[in-house]
Amino acid sequence: MRLDKVALGLAAGILWGAGIFLLTLWCHYRGGGNTLILLSQVYLGYSVSLPGAFIGLVWGFVDGFLGGWLLAWLYNRFARDAK
């Protein structure tokens, strides 16, 4: 069985981006987010704010897509060698 790299990348990117977006909005409106501030060291332009939520959505999608794509590539690479 082979994994589709683009499909897994899109699924992971959408989930990760939406997760960061929703978590940022939740923390922004609840007045917290001290831990989320650490994401600003990884994602350029990110902050716990409304514009930061959209920036986190984009960065999260890119990050999740690359992670999912890499995971599928590695799986396909090693699963082929194991046969």
C-alpha atoms as a PDB file:
ATOM      1  CA  MET A   1       0.000   0.000   0.000  1.00  0.00           C
ATOM      2  CA  ARG A   2       1.255   3.459  -0.868  1.00  0.00           C
ATOM      3  CA  LEU A   3       0.216   6.728   0.720  1.00  0.00           C
ATOM      4  CA  ASP A   4      -0.696   9.716  -1.453  1.00  0.00           C
ATOM      5  CA  LYS A   5       1.772  12.432  -0.447  1.00  0.00           C
ATOM      6  CA  VAL A   6      -0.373  15.367  -1.558  1.00  0.00           C
ATOM      7  CA  ALA A   7      -3.556  14.023   0.040  1.00  0.00           C
ATOM      8  CA  LEU A   8      -1.859  13.386   3.381  1.00  0.00           C
ATOM      9  CA  GLY A   9      -0.142  16.766   3.167  1.00  0.00           C
ATOM     10  CA  LEU A  10      -3.440  18.552   2.521  1.00  0.00           C
ATOM     11  CA  ALA A  11      -5.216  16.699   5.323  1.00  0.00           C
ATOM     12  CA  ALA A  12      -2.446  17.415   7.835  1.00  0.00           C
ATOM     13  CA  GLY A  13      -2.141  21.035   6.678  1.00  0.00           C
ATOM     14  CA  ILE A  14      -5.847  21.719   6.986  1.00  0.00           C
ATOM     15  CA  LEU A  15      -6.053  20.124  10.423  1.00  0.00           C
ATOM     16  CA  TRP A  16      -2.931  21.826  11.785  1.00  0.00           C
ATOM     17  CA  GLY A  17      -3.808  25.228  10.328  1.00  0.00           C
ATOM     18  CA  ALA A  18      -7.405  25.066  11.582  1.00  0.00           C
ATOM     19  CA  GLY A  19      -6.196  23.913  14.988  1.00  0.00           C
ATOM     20  CA  ILE A  20      -3.821  26.841  15.388  1.00  0.00           C
ATOM     21  CA  PHE A  21      -6.475  29.245  14.085  1.00  0.00           C
ATOM     22  CA  LEU A  22      -9.173  28.064  16.497  1.00  0.00           C
ATOM     23  CA  LEU A  23      -6.833  27.796  19.464  1.00  0.00           C
ATOM     24  CA  THR A  24      -5.548  31.317  18.843  1.00  0.00           C
ATOM     25  CA  LEU A  25      -9.070  32.737  18.643  1.00  0.00           C
ATOM     26  CA  TRP A  26     -10.088  30.880  21.783  1.00  0.00           C
ATOM     27  CA  CYS A  27      -7.071  32.099  23.751  1.00  0.00           C
ATOM     28  CA  HIS A  28      -7.421  35.632  22.394  1.00  0.00           C
ATOM     29  CA  TYR A  29     -11.036  35.987  23.485  1.00  0.00           C
ATOM     30  CA  ARG A  30     -10.496  34.199  26.824  1.00  0.00           C
ATOM     31  CA  GLY A  31      -7.569  36.461  27.666  1.00  0.00           C
ATOM     32  CA  GLY A  32      -4.895  33.773  27.945  1.00  0.00           C
ATOM     33  CA  GLY A  33      -2.375  32.436  25.522  1.00  0.00           C
ATOM     34  CA  ASN A  34       0.940  32.672  27.348  1.00  0.00           C
ATOM     35  CA  THR A  35       1.989  29.335  25.891  1.00  0.00           C
ATOM     36  CA  LEU A  36       0.859  30.286  22.392  1.00  0.00           C
ATOM     37  CA  ILE A  37       3.193  33.274  22.427  1.00  0.00           C
ATOM     38  CA  LEU A  38       6.000  30.742  21.927  1.00  0.00           C
ATOM     39  CA  LEU A  39       4.650  30.117  18.413  1.00  0.00           C
ATOM     40  CA  SER A  40       5.780  33.627  17.478  1.00  0.00           C
ATOM     41  CA  GLN A  41       9.348  32.332  17.709  1.00  0.00           C
ATOM     42  CA  VAL A  42       8.576  29.738  15.021  1.00  0.00           C
ATOM     43  CA  TYR A  43       5.942  31.437  12.833  1.00  0.00           C
ATOM     44  CA  LEU A  44       6.956  34.861  11.514  1.00  0.00           C
ATOM     45  CA  GLY A  45       4.327  37.519  12.237  1.00  0.00           C
ATOM     46  CA  TYR A  46       2.270  35.326  14.568  1.00  0.00           C
ATOM     47  CA  SER A  47       0.711  36.747  17.710  1.00  0.00           C
ATOM     48  CA  VAL A  48      -2.264  35.888  19.900  1.00  0.00           C
ATOM     49  CA  SER A  49      -4.627  38.278  18.114  1.00  0.00           C
ATOM     50  CA  LEU A  50      -7.195  38.236  15.328  1.00  0.00           C
ATOM     51  CA  PRO A  51      -4.645  38.963  12.564  1.00  0.00           C
ATOM     52  CA  GLY A  52      -2.263  36.534  14.248  1.00  0.00           C
ATOM     53  CA  ALA A  53      -4.909  33.811  13.985  1.00  0.00           C
ATOM     54  CA  PHE A  54      -4.947  34.168  10.202  1.00  0.00           C
ATOM     55  CA  ILE A  55      -1.159  34.252  10.055  1.00  0.00           C
ATOM     56  CA  GLY A  56      -1.113  31.111  12.213  1.00  0.00           C
ATOM     57  CA  LEU A  57      -3.642  29.513   9.870  1.00  0.00           C
ATOM     58  CA  VAL A  58      -1.359  30.051   6.879  1.00  0.00           C
ATOM     59  CA  TRP A  59       1.833  29.002   8.664  1.00  0.00           C
ATOM     60  CA  GLY A  60       0.063  26.047  10.247  1.00  0.00           C
ATOM     61  CA  PHE A  61      -1.186  24.880   6.855  1.00  0.00           C
ATOM     62  CA  VAL A  62       2.301  25.138   5.357  1.00  0.00           C
ATOM     63  CA  ASP A  63       3.859  23.401   8.352  1.00  0.00           C
ATOM     64  CA  GLY A  64       1.227  20.646   8.421  1.00  0.00           C
ATOM     65  CA  PHE A  65       1.396  20.121   4.661  1.00  0.00           C
ATOM     66  CA  LEU A  66       5.153  19.710   4.707  1.00  0.00           C
ATOM     67  CA  GLY A  67       4.970  17.379   7.703  1.00  0.00           C
ATOM     68  CA  GLY A  68       2.250  15.229   6.149  1.00  0.00           C
ATOM     69  CA  TRP A  69       3.996  15.119   2.786  1.00  0.00           C
ATOM     70  CA  LEU A  70       7.271  14.111   4.426  1.00  0.00           C
ATOM     71  CA  LEU A  71       5.561  11.444   6.516  1.00  0.00           C
ATOM     72  CA  ALA A  72       3.931   9.909   3.415  1.00  0.00           C
ATOM     73  CA  TRP A  73       7.211  10.058   1.498  1.00  0.00           C
ATOM     74  CA  LEU A  74       9.087   8.328   4.308  1.00  0.00           C
ATOM     75  CA  TYR A  75       6.378   5.693   4.671  1.00  0.00           C
ATOM     76  CA  ASN A  76       6.394   4.950   0.947  1.00  0.00           C
ATOM     77  CA  ARG A  77      10.183   4.827   0.918  1.00  0.00           C
ATOM     78  CA  PHE A  78      10.514   2.381   3.814  1.00  0.00           C
ATOM     79  CA  ALA A  79       7.443   0.286   2.991  1.00  0.00           C
ATOM     80  CA  ARG A  80       8.875  -0.335  -0.480  1.00  0.00           C
ATOM     81  CA  ASP A  81      12.220  -1.426   0.964  1.00  0.00           C
ATOM     82  CA  ALA A  82      10.607  -3.770   3.499  1.00  0.00           C
ATOM     83  CA  LYS A  83       9.060  -6.042   0.857  1.00  0.00           C
END
